[in-house]
Amino acid sequence: MLLDMDGVLFHGSTPLPGAAAFLRRIARVPHLFVTNNPIRTPAQVATHLHAMGLGRPRDAQILTSAEATARWLHRERPRFHFYAVGAEGLHLALQQYGAVDRQRADFVVVGEGPGLDFDSLTTGINLILKRGARLVVTNPDTSVDDSHEGEHRVLPGGGALVAPFAAACGVSPVVIGKPEPGLYEMACERLGLDAADCVMVGDRPDTDIAGAHRVGMRAALVRTGRFRPGAAWPAGVPRPHWDVDDLPALERAWHGLLPDG
């Protein structure tokens, strides 16, 4: 089982109803926490879950788009050089496999969080146009939900932050996160399972559900994120195998399929 987190298990720093009970119920089911958010490291994600009373998974049970991006780059070019724009989680993930190089980077990598300004945009553009660096983005989300001082707000996602580089250079970025296959395939590899033997639990039709369909994986949508109960299904997006309001409803729908708690 692959589990998205923000919008499925919590909003910001607030756990969603039924999340803790659902995690206890699937404790003996092989599962991995997967996220398009590249800002936190796996260790920071585990600490965040623990602080909300949702347990503390092992770091190896968490796969972020930053980590998936770093692994993909390593497979493409071992000991790669990179220039990255984004938060600390992205930089730390890339440094496990590659080296920072503002002069001769093989890849310009864009993630979410602070870092995009005139200087970083200029550096990245010149690496792409003059040095032939490939443009890579951790995830395609144009916007993401966040909470600040108890208030909901919308932040730019990877798709929005990579857009200035793509527009200035006339290139399309390589996309790693959902709905592209890479993150799903790495997650299945880590679990030692085929995609057909897994199910993706997510809250976004355009990423979680569409990506699962693309790799032949079953999918369950919980309407506790931006896509709310009663919202019309978006045109062109394949429907999930389960479409429920929340995790307690999903647990009921899976009655008899999950091991007893």
C-alpha atoms as a PDB file:
ATOM      1  CA  MET A   1       0.000   0.000   0.000  1.00  0.00           C
ATOM      2  CA  LEU A   2       1.158   3.516  -0.859  1.00  0.00           C
ATOM      3  CA  LEU A   3      -0.156   6.335   1.310  1.00  0.00           C
ATOM      4  CA  ASP A   4      -0.141  10.007   0.437  1.00  0.00           C
ATOM      5  CA  MET A   5      -0.008  12.144   3.570  1.00  0.00           C
ATOM      6  CA  ASP A   6      -1.080  15.801   3.448  1.00  0.00           C
ATOM      7  CA  GLY A   7      -4.806  15.745   2.720  1.00  0.00           C
ATOM      8  CA  VAL A   8      -5.049  12.053   3.605  1.00  0.00           C
ATOM      9  CA  LEU A   9      -3.561  11.756   7.104  1.00  0.00           C
ATOM     10  CA  PHE A  10      -3.336  15.415   8.106  1.00  0.00           C
ATOM     11  CA  HIS A  11      -3.767  19.043   7.115  1.00  0.00           C
ATOM     12  CA  GLY A  12      -0.655  21.015   7.960  1.00  0.00           C
ATOM     13  CA  SER A  13      -0.053  20.053  11.604  1.00  0.00           C
ATOM     14  CA  THR A  14      -3.556  18.747  12.336  1.00  0.00           C
ATOM     15  CA  PRO A  15      -4.308  15.013  12.014  1.00  0.00           C
ATOM     16  CA  LEU A  16      -7.456  14.140  10.132  1.00  0.00           C
ATOM     17  CA  PRO A  17     -10.253  12.182  11.851  1.00  0.00           C
ATOM     18  CA  GLY A  18      -9.642   8.460  11.765  1.00  0.00           C
ATOM     19  CA  ALA A  19      -6.019   8.743  10.605  1.00  0.00           C
ATOM     20  CA  ALA A  20      -4.453   7.233  13.732  1.00  0.00           C
ATOM     21  CA  ALA A  21      -6.967   4.374  13.780  1.00  0.00           C
ATOM     22  CA  PHE A  22      -6.409   3.669  10.089  1.00  0.00           C
ATOM     23  CA  LEU A  23      -2.638   3.506  10.550  1.00  0.00           C
ATOM     24  CA  ARG A  24      -3.036   1.079  13.441  1.00  0.00           C
ATOM     25  CA  ARG A  25      -5.300  -1.061  11.283  1.00  0.00           C
ATOM     26  CA  ILE A  26      -2.770  -1.317   8.430  1.00  0.00           C
ATOM     27  CA  ALA A  27       0.254  -1.766  10.707  1.00  0.00           C
ATOM     28  CA  ARG A  28       0.771  -5.362   9.502  1.00  0.00           C
ATOM     29  CA  VAL A  29       0.142  -4.495   5.847  1.00  0.00           C
ATOM     30  CA  PRO A  30       3.321  -3.619   3.886  1.00  0.00           C
ATOM     31  CA  HIS A  31       3.029   0.092   3.246  1.00  0.00           C
ATOM     32  CA  LEU A  32       5.027   3.148   2.303  1.00  0.00           C
ATOM     33  CA  PHE A  33       4.344   6.843   2.836  1.00  0.00           C
ATOM     34  CA  VAL A  34       4.813   8.696  -0.454  1.00  0.00           C
ATOM     35  CA  THR A  35       4.612  12.422  -1.069  1.00  0.00           C
ATOM     36  CA  ASN A  36       5.166  14.937  -3.845  1.00  0.00           C
ATOM     37  CA  ASN A  37       6.354  17.378  -1.179  1.00  0.00           C
ATOM     38  CA  PRO A  38      10.169  17.664  -1.428  1.00  0.00           C
ATOM     39  CA  ILE A  39      10.621  20.117   1.440  1.00  0.00           C
ATOM     40  CA  ARG A  40      11.084  17.759   4.420  1.00  0.00           C
ATOM     41  CA  THR A  41      13.590  14.923   4.678  1.00  0.00           C
ATOM     42  CA  PRO A  42      12.217  11.447   5.516  1.00  0.00           C
ATOM     43  CA  ALA A  43      13.449  11.892   9.109  1.00  0.00           C
ATOM     44  CA  GLN A  44      11.635  15.224   9.372  1.00  0.00           C
ATOM     45  CA  VAL A  45       8.469  13.658   7.943  1.00  0.00           C
ATOM     46  CA  ALA A  46       8.658  10.888  10.564  1.00  0.00           C
ATOM     47  CA  THR A  47       9.056  13.486  13.323  1.00  0.00           C
ATOM     48  CA  HIS A  48       6.107  15.451  11.952  1.00  0.00           C
ATOM     49  CA  LEU A  49       3.882  12.352  11.983  1.00  0.00           C
ATOM     50  CA  HIS A  50       5.003  11.486  15.502  1.00  0.00           C
ATOM     51  CA  ALA A  51       4.226  14.999  16.771  1.00  0.00           C
ATOM     52  CA  MET A  52       0.630  14.567  15.570  1.00  0.00           C
ATOM     53  CA  GLY A  53       0.212  11.218  17.303  1.00  0.00           C
ATOM     54  CA  LEU A  54       0.400   9.241  14.066  1.00  0.00           C
ATOM     55  CA  GLY A  55       3.339   7.033  15.041  1.00  0.00           C
ATOM     56  CA  ARG A  56       6.940   7.266  13.902  1.00  0.00           C
ATOM     57  CA  PRO A  57       7.628   5.221  10.776  1.00  0.00           C
ATOM     58  CA  ARG A  58      11.153   4.238   9.852  1.00  0.00           C
ATOM     59  CA  ASP A  59      12.861   6.613   7.421  1.00  0.00           C
ATOM     60  CA  ALA A  60      12.885   3.796   4.852  1.00  0.00           C
ATOM     61  CA  GLN A  61       9.062   3.771   4.969  1.00  0.00           C
ATOM     62  CA  ILE A  62       8.952   7.322   3.614  1.00  0.00           C
ATOM     63  CA  LEU A  63       9.624   8.257  -0.004  1.00  0.00           C
ATOM     64  CA  THR A  64       9.600  11.929  -0.941  1.00  0.00           C
ATOM     65  CA  SER A  65       9.768  13.387  -4.435  1.00  0.00           C
ATOM     66  CA  ALA A  66      13.168  14.858  -3.500  1.00  0.00           C
ATOM     67  CA  GLU A  67      14.551  11.429  -2.668  1.00  0.00           C
ATOM     68  CA  ALA A  68      12.994   9.926  -5.797  1.00  0.00           C
ATOM     69  CA  THR A  69      14.537  12.719  -7.876  1.00  0.00           C
ATOM     70  CA  ALA A  70      17.991  12.128  -6.393  1.00  0.00           C
ATOM     71  CA  ARG A  71      17.775   8.384  -7.101  1.00  0.00           C
ATOM     72  CA  TRP A  72      16.592   8.996 -10.653  1.00  0.00           C
ATOM     73  CA  LEU A  73      19.476  11.397 -11.349  1.00  0.00           C
ATOM     74  CA  HIS A  74      21.956   8.887  -9.919  1.00  0.00           C
ATOM     75  CA  ARG A  75      20.639   6.216 -12.271  1.00  0.00           C
ATOM     76  CA  GLU A  76      20.897   8.603 -15.206  1.00  0.00           C
ATOM     77  CA  ARG A  77      24.399   9.817 -14.350  1.00  0.00           C
ATOM     78  CA  PRO A  78      26.280   8.405 -11.344  1.00  0.00           C
ATOM     79  CA  ARG A  79      28.227  11.074  -9.440  1.00  0.00           C
ATOM     80  CA  PHE A  80      26.210  13.812 -11.165  1.00  0.00           C
ATOM     81  CA  HIS A  81      26.720  17.539 -10.625  1.00  0.00           C
ATOM     82  CA  PHE A  82      23.661  19.662  -9.942  1.00  0.00           C
ATOM     83  CA  TYR A  83      22.324  23.126  -9.276  1.00  0.00           C
ATOM     84  CA  ALA A  84      19.171  23.057  -7.153  1.00  0.00           C
ATOM     85  CA  VAL A  85      16.483  25.602  -6.332  1.00  0.00           C
ATOM     86  CA  GLY A  86      14.265  24.704  -3.400  1.00  0.00           C
ATOM     87  CA  ALA A  87      14.167  23.915   0.301  1.00  0.00           C
ATOM     88  CA  GLU A  88      16.686  22.035   2.431  1.00  0.00           C
ATOM     89  CA  GLY A  89      15.080  18.620   1.943  1.00  0.00           C
ATOM     90  CA  LEU A  90      15.819  18.758  -1.781  1.00  0.00           C
ATOM     91  CA  HIS A  91      19.442  19.825  -1.331  1.00  0.00           C
ATOM     92  CA  LEU A  92      20.126  17.134   1.280  1.00  0.00           C
ATOM     93  CA  ALA A  93      18.600  14.409  -0.886  1.00  0.00           C
ATOM     94  CA  LEU A  94      20.643  15.408  -3.929  1.00  0.00           C
ATOM     95  CA  GLN A  95      23.872  15.630  -1.917  1.00  0.00           C
ATOM     96  CA  GLN A  96      23.582  11.941  -1.047  1.00  0.00           C
ATOM     97  CA  TYR A  97      24.339  11.084  -4.679  1.00  0.00           C
ATOM     98  CA  GLY A  98      25.752  14.176  -6.379  1.00  0.00           C
ATOM     99  CA  ALA A  99      27.746  17.365  -5.937  1.00  0.00           C
ATOM    100  CA  VAL A 100      26.715  21.014  -6.106  1.00  0.00           C
ATOM    101  CA  ASP A 101      28.213  22.803  -9.112  1.00  0.00           C
ATOM    102  CA  ARG A 102      27.061  26.277 -10.180  1.00  0.00           C
ATOM    103  CA  GLN A 103      29.468  26.275 -13.136  1.00  0.00           C
ATOM    104  CA  ARG A 104      29.144  22.873 -14.827  1.00  0.00           C
ATOM    105  CA  ALA A 105      25.988  21.243 -13.491  1.00  0.00           C
ATOM    106  CA  ASP A 106      24.552  18.272 -15.389  1.00  0.00           C
ATOM    107  CA  PHE A 107      21.082  19.034 -14.019  1.00  0.00           C
ATOM    108  CA  VAL A 108      19.150  22.074 -12.861  1.00  0.00           C
ATOM    109  CA  VAL A 109      16.716  20.722 -10.269  1.00  0.00           C
ATOM    110  CA  VAL A 110      13.690  22.671  -9.061  1.00  0.00           C
ATOM    111  CA  GLY A 111      11.652  21.774  -5.987  1.00  0.00           C
ATOM    112  CA  GLU A 112       9.283  23.532  -3.622  1.00  0.00           C
ATOM    113  CA  GLY A 113      10.029  26.026  -0.870  1.00  0.00           C
ATOM    114  CA  PRO A 114      12.246  29.133  -0.792  1.00  0.00           C
ATOM    115  CA  GLY A 115      15.098  29.668  -3.224  1.00  0.00           C
ATOM    116  CA  LEU A 116      13.721  31.089  -6.445  1.00  0.00           C
ATOM    117  CA  ASP A 117      14.909  34.653  -7.094  1.00  0.00           C
ATOM    118  CA  PHE A 118      16.500  36.607  -9.936  1.00  0.00           C
ATOM    119  CA  ASP A 119      19.980  35.232  -9.235  1.00  0.00           C
ATOM    120  CA  SER A 120      18.963  31.578  -9.023  1.00  0.00           C
ATOM    121  CA  LEU A 121      16.791  31.896 -12.127  1.00  0.00           C
ATOM    122  CA  THR A 122      19.643  33.504 -14.048  1.00  0.00           C
ATOM    123  CA  THR A 123      22.118  30.833 -12.923  1.00  0.00           C
ATOM    124  CA  GLY A 124      19.781  28.018 -13.899  1.00  0.00           C
ATOM    125  CA  ILE A 125      18.917  29.524 -17.282  1.00  0.00           C
ATOM    126  CA  ASN A 126      22.571  29.882 -18.232  1.00  0.00           C
ATOM    127  CA  LEU A 127      23.414  26.353 -17.120  1.00  0.00           C
ATOM    128  CA  ILE A 128      20.646  25.035 -19.361  1.00  0.00           C
ATOM    129  CA  LEU A 129      21.299  27.248 -22.406  1.00  0.00           C
ATOM    130  CA  LYS A 130      25.093  27.415 -22.299  1.00  0.00           C
ATOM    131  CA  ARG A 131      26.135  24.211 -20.524  1.00  0.00           C
ATOM    132  CA  GLY A 132      23.432  21.861 -21.722  1.00  0.00           C
ATOM    133  CA  ALA A 133      22.137  21.042 -18.254  1.00  0.00           C
ATOM    134  CA  ARG A 134      18.816  19.166 -18.148  1.00  0.00           C
ATOM    135  CA  LEU A 135      15.900  20.778 -16.355  1.00  0.00           C
ATOM    136  CA  VAL A 136      14.274  18.526 -13.735  1.00  0.00           C
ATOM    137  CA  VAL A 137      11.385  19.226 -11.344  1.00  0.00           C
ATOM    138  CA  THR A 138      10.517  17.137  -8.302  1.00  0.00           C
ATOM    139  CA  ASN A 139       6.744  17.351  -8.854  1.00  0.00           C
ATOM    140  CA  PRO A 140       4.263  18.965 -11.248  1.00  0.00           C
ATOM    141  CA  ASP A 141       1.768  20.446  -8.733  1.00  0.00           C
ATOM    142  CA  THR A 142       1.077  24.054  -9.682  1.00  0.00           C
ATOM    143  CA  SER A 143      -0.142  24.866  -6.172  1.00  0.00           C
ATOM    144  CA  VAL A 144      -0.216  23.147  -2.789  1.00  0.00           C
ATOM    145  CA  ASP A 145      -2.180  23.682   0.404  1.00  0.00           C
ATOM    146  CA  ASP A 146      -0.545  24.911   3.590  1.00  0.00           C
ATOM    147  CA  SER A 147      -1.478  26.205   7.030  1.00  0.00           C
ATOM    148  CA  HIS A 148       0.053  29.289   8.644  1.00  0.00           C
ATOM    149  CA  GLU A 149      -0.909  30.419  12.156  1.00  0.00           C
ATOM    150  CA  GLY A 150      -4.075  28.364  11.891  1.00  0.00           C
ATOM    151  CA  GLU A 151      -5.094  29.878   8.555  1.00  0.00           C
ATOM    152  CA  HIS A 152      -5.276  27.964   5.277  1.00  0.00           C
ATOM    153  CA  ARG A 153      -3.164  29.336   2.463  1.00  0.00           C
ATOM    154  CA  VAL A 154      -2.039  28.228  -0.990  1.00  0.00           C
ATOM    155  CA  LEU A 155       1.652  28.001  -1.914  1.00  0.00           C
ATOM    156  CA  PRO A 156       3.303  27.668  -5.323  1.00  0.00           C
ATOM    157  CA  GLY A 157       4.058  24.050  -6.191  1.00  0.00           C
ATOM    158  CA  GLY A 158       6.897  22.581  -8.204  1.00  0.00           C
ATOM    159  CA  GLY A 159       5.049  23.063 -11.478  1.00  0.00           C
ATOM    160  CA  ALA A 160       4.728  26.801 -10.871  1.00  0.00           C
ATOM    161  CA  LEU A 161       8.317  27.242  -9.689  1.00  0.00           C
ATOM    162  CA  VAL A 162       9.850  25.417 -12.662  1.00  0.00           C
ATOM    163  CA  ALA A 163       7.752  27.371 -15.176  1.00  0.00           C
ATOM    164  CA  PRO A 164      10.102  30.424 -15.423  1.00  0.00           C
ATOM    165  CA  PHE A 165      13.056  28.157 -16.281  1.00  0.00           C
ATOM    166  CA  ALA A 166      11.037  26.269 -18.888  1.00  0.00           C
ATOM    167  CA  ALA A 167       9.681  29.471 -20.446  1.00  0.00           C
ATOM    168  CA  ALA A 168      13.052  31.223 -20.604  1.00  0.00           C
ATOM    169  CA  CYS A 169      14.839  28.224 -22.092  1.00  0.00           C
ATOM    170  CA  GLY A 170      12.104  26.826 -24.309  1.00  0.00           C
ATOM    171  CA  VAL A 171      12.443  23.350 -22.797  1.00  0.00           C
ATOM    172  CA  SER A 172      10.117  20.957 -20.990  1.00  0.00           C
ATOM    173  CA  PRO A 173      11.316  19.699 -17.609  1.00  0.00           C
ATOM    174  CA  VAL A 174      11.705  16.067 -16.666  1.00  0.00           C
ATOM    175  CA  VAL A 175       9.025  15.454 -14.007  1.00  0.00           C
ATOM    176  CA  ILE A 176       9.660  12.875 -11.264  1.00  0.00           C
ATOM    177  CA  GLY A 177       6.735  12.979  -8.807  1.00  0.00           C
ATOM    178  CA  LYS A 178       3.124  11.876  -9.159  1.00  0.00           C
ATOM    179  CA  PRO A 179       1.474  11.336 -11.614  1.00  0.00           C
ATOM    180  CA  GLU A 180       4.659  10.328 -13.432  1.00  0.00           C
ATOM    181  CA  PRO A 181       5.624   6.649 -13.020  1.00  0.00           C
ATOM    182  CA  GLY A 182       9.016   7.175 -11.342  1.00  0.00           C
ATOM    183  CA  LEU A 183       7.912   7.634  -7.746  1.00  0.00           C
ATOM    184  CA  TYR A 184       5.409   4.758  -7.955  1.00  0.00           C
ATOM    185  CA  GLU A 185       7.999   2.419  -9.442  1.00  0.00           C
ATOM    186  CA  MET A 186      10.579   3.265  -6.778  1.00  0.00           C
ATOM    187  CA  ALA A 187       7.978   2.748  -4.054  1.00  0.00           C
ATOM    188  CA  CYS A 188       7.024  -0.682  -5.407  1.00  0.00           C
ATOM    189  CA  GLU A 189      10.682  -1.587  -5.707  1.00  0.00           C
ATOM    190  CA  ARG A 190      11.234  -0.677  -2.067  1.00  0.00           C
ATOM    191  CA  LEU A 191       8.238  -2.777  -0.989  1.00  0.00           C
ATOM    192  CA  GLY A 192       9.302  -5.671  -3.209  1.00  0.00           C
ATOM    193  CA  LEU A 193       5.882  -5.746  -4.887  1.00  0.00           C
ATOM    194  CA  ASP A 194       4.491  -5.343  -8.385  1.00  0.00           C
ATOM    195  CA  ALA A 195       2.288  -2.336  -9.075  1.00  0.00           C
ATOM    196  CA  ALA A 196      -0.675  -4.647  -9.680  1.00  0.00           C
ATOM    197  CA  ASP A 197      -0.329  -5.903  -6.101  1.00  0.00           C
ATOM    198  CA  CYS A 198      -0.414  -2.416  -4.552  1.00  0.00           C
ATOM    199  CA  VAL A 199      -3.047   0.234  -3.923  1.00  0.00           C
ATOM    200  CA  MET A 200      -2.508   3.981  -3.830  1.00  0.00           C
ATOM    201  CA  VAL A 201      -4.463   5.957  -1.225  1.00  0.00           C
ATOM    202  CA  GLY A 202      -4.549   9.643  -2.091  1.00  0.00           C
ATOM    203  CA  ASP A 203      -6.652  12.805  -2.138  1.00  0.00           C
ATOM    204  CA  ARG A 204      -5.913  14.268  -5.583  1.00  0.00           C
ATOM    205  CA  PRO A 205      -7.423  12.826  -8.757  1.00  0.00           C
ATOM    206  CA  ASP A 206      -4.881  14.548 -11.041  1.00  0.00           C
ATOM    207  CA  THR A 207      -1.792  13.182  -9.303  1.00  0.00           C
ATOM    208  CA  ASP A 208      -2.489  10.279  -6.919  1.00  0.00           C
ATOM    209  CA  ILE A 209      -5.235   8.577  -8.922  1.00  0.00           C
ATOM    210  CA  ALA A 210      -4.040   9.376 -12.444  1.00  0.00           C
ATOM    211  CA  GLY A 211      -0.527   8.178 -11.621  1.00  0.00           C
ATOM    212  CA  ALA A 212      -1.710   4.933 -10.079  1.00  0.00           C
ATOM    213  CA  HIS A 213      -3.785   4.204 -13.177  1.00  0.00           C
ATOM    214  CA  ARG A 214      -0.773   4.917 -15.370  1.00  0.00           C
ATOM    215  CA  VAL A 215       1.308   2.179 -13.726  1.00  0.00           C
ATOM    216  CA  GLY A 216      -1.514  -0.359 -13.405  1.00  0.00           C
ATOM    217  CA  MET A 217      -2.081   0.134  -9.677  1.00  0.00           C
ATOM    218  CA  ARG A 218      -5.429   0.144  -7.891  1.00  0.00           C
ATOM    219  CA  ALA A 219      -6.374   3.439  -6.272  1.00  0.00           C
ATOM    220  CA  ALA A 220      -8.529   4.775  -3.459  1.00  0.00           C
ATOM    221  CA  LEU A 221      -9.535   8.427  -3.241  1.00  0.00           C
ATOM    222  CA  VAL A 222     -10.369  10.034   0.097  1.00  0.00           C
ATOM    223  CA  ARG A 223     -12.101  13.404  -0.244  1.00  0.00           C
ATOM    224  CA  THR A 224     -10.373  15.056   2.684  1.00  0.00           C
ATOM    225  CA  GLY A 225      -7.995  17.229   0.678  1.00  0.00           C
ATOM    226  CA  ARG A 226      -8.758  19.999  -1.791  1.00  0.00           C
ATOM    227  CA  PHE A 227     -11.099  17.645  -3.713  1.00  0.00           C
ATOM    228  CA  ARG A 228     -14.142  17.646  -1.452  1.00  0.00           C
ATOM    229  CA  PRO A 229     -17.224  15.389  -1.089  1.00  0.00           C
ATOM    230  CA  GLY A 230     -19.735  16.106  -3.807  1.00  0.00           C
ATOM    231  CA  ALA A 231     -17.208  17.633  -6.218  1.00  0.00           C
ATOM    232  CA  ALA A 232     -17.746  16.547  -9.831  1.00  0.00           C
ATOM    233  CA  TRP A 233     -15.118  14.151 -11.143  1.00  0.00           C
ATOM    234  CA  PRO A 234     -12.643  15.978 -13.422  1.00  0.00           C
ATOM    235  CA  ALA A 235     -12.917  15.188 -17.106  1.00  0.00           C
ATOM    236  CA  GLY A 236     -10.245  12.946 -18.550  1.00  0.00           C
ATOM    237  CA  VAL A 237      -9.064  11.523 -15.231  1.00  0.00           C
ATOM    238  CA  PRO A 238      -9.630   7.772 -14.682  1.00  0.00           C
ATOM    239  CA  ARG A 239     -11.839   6.932 -11.726  1.00  0.00           C
ATOM    240  CA  PRO A 240     -10.412   5.132  -8.685  1.00  0.00           C
ATOM    241  CA  HIS A 241     -11.504   1.705  -7.498  1.00  0.00           C
ATOM    242  CA  TRP A 242     -12.762   3.320  -4.260  1.00  0.00           C
ATOM    243  CA  ASP A 243     -14.087   6.868  -3.862  1.00  0.00           C
ATOM    244  CA  VAL A 244     -14.934   7.710  -0.245  1.00  0.00           C
ATOM    245  CA  ASP A 245     -15.333  10.759   1.961  1.00  0.00           C
ATOM    246  CA  ASP A 246     -12.613   9.904   4.511  1.00  0.00           C
ATOM    247  CA  LEU A 247     -10.389   7.188   5.990  1.00  0.00           C
ATOM    248  CA  PRO A 248     -13.064   5.717   8.300  1.00  0.00           C
ATOM    249  CA  ALA A 249     -15.249   5.236   5.214  1.00  0.00           C
ATOM    250  CA  LEU A 250     -12.355   3.576   3.391  1.00  0.00           C
ATOM    251  CA  GLU A 251     -11.778   1.260   6.344  1.00  0.00           C
ATOM    252  CA  ARG A 252     -15.444   0.260   6.201  1.00  0.00           C
ATOM    253  CA  ALA A 253     -15.234  -0.284   2.440  1.00  0.00           C
ATOM    254  CA  TRP A 254     -12.254  -2.572   2.999  1.00  0.00           C
ATOM    255  CA  HIS A 255     -13.998  -4.614   5.703  1.00  0.00           C
ATOM    256  CA  GLY A 256     -12.783  -8.177   5.406  1.00  0.00           C
ATOM    257  CA  LEU A 257      -9.776  -7.168   3.294  1.00  0.00           C
ATOM    258  CA  LEU A 258      -7.632  -5.781   6.121  1.00  0.00           C
ATOM    259  CA  PRO A 259      -6.179  -7.893   8.924  1.00  0.00           C
ATOM    260  CA  ASP A 260      -7.841  -7.577  12.308  1.00  0.00           C
ATOM    261  CA  GLY A 261      -6.308  -4.870  14.497  1.00  0.00           C
END
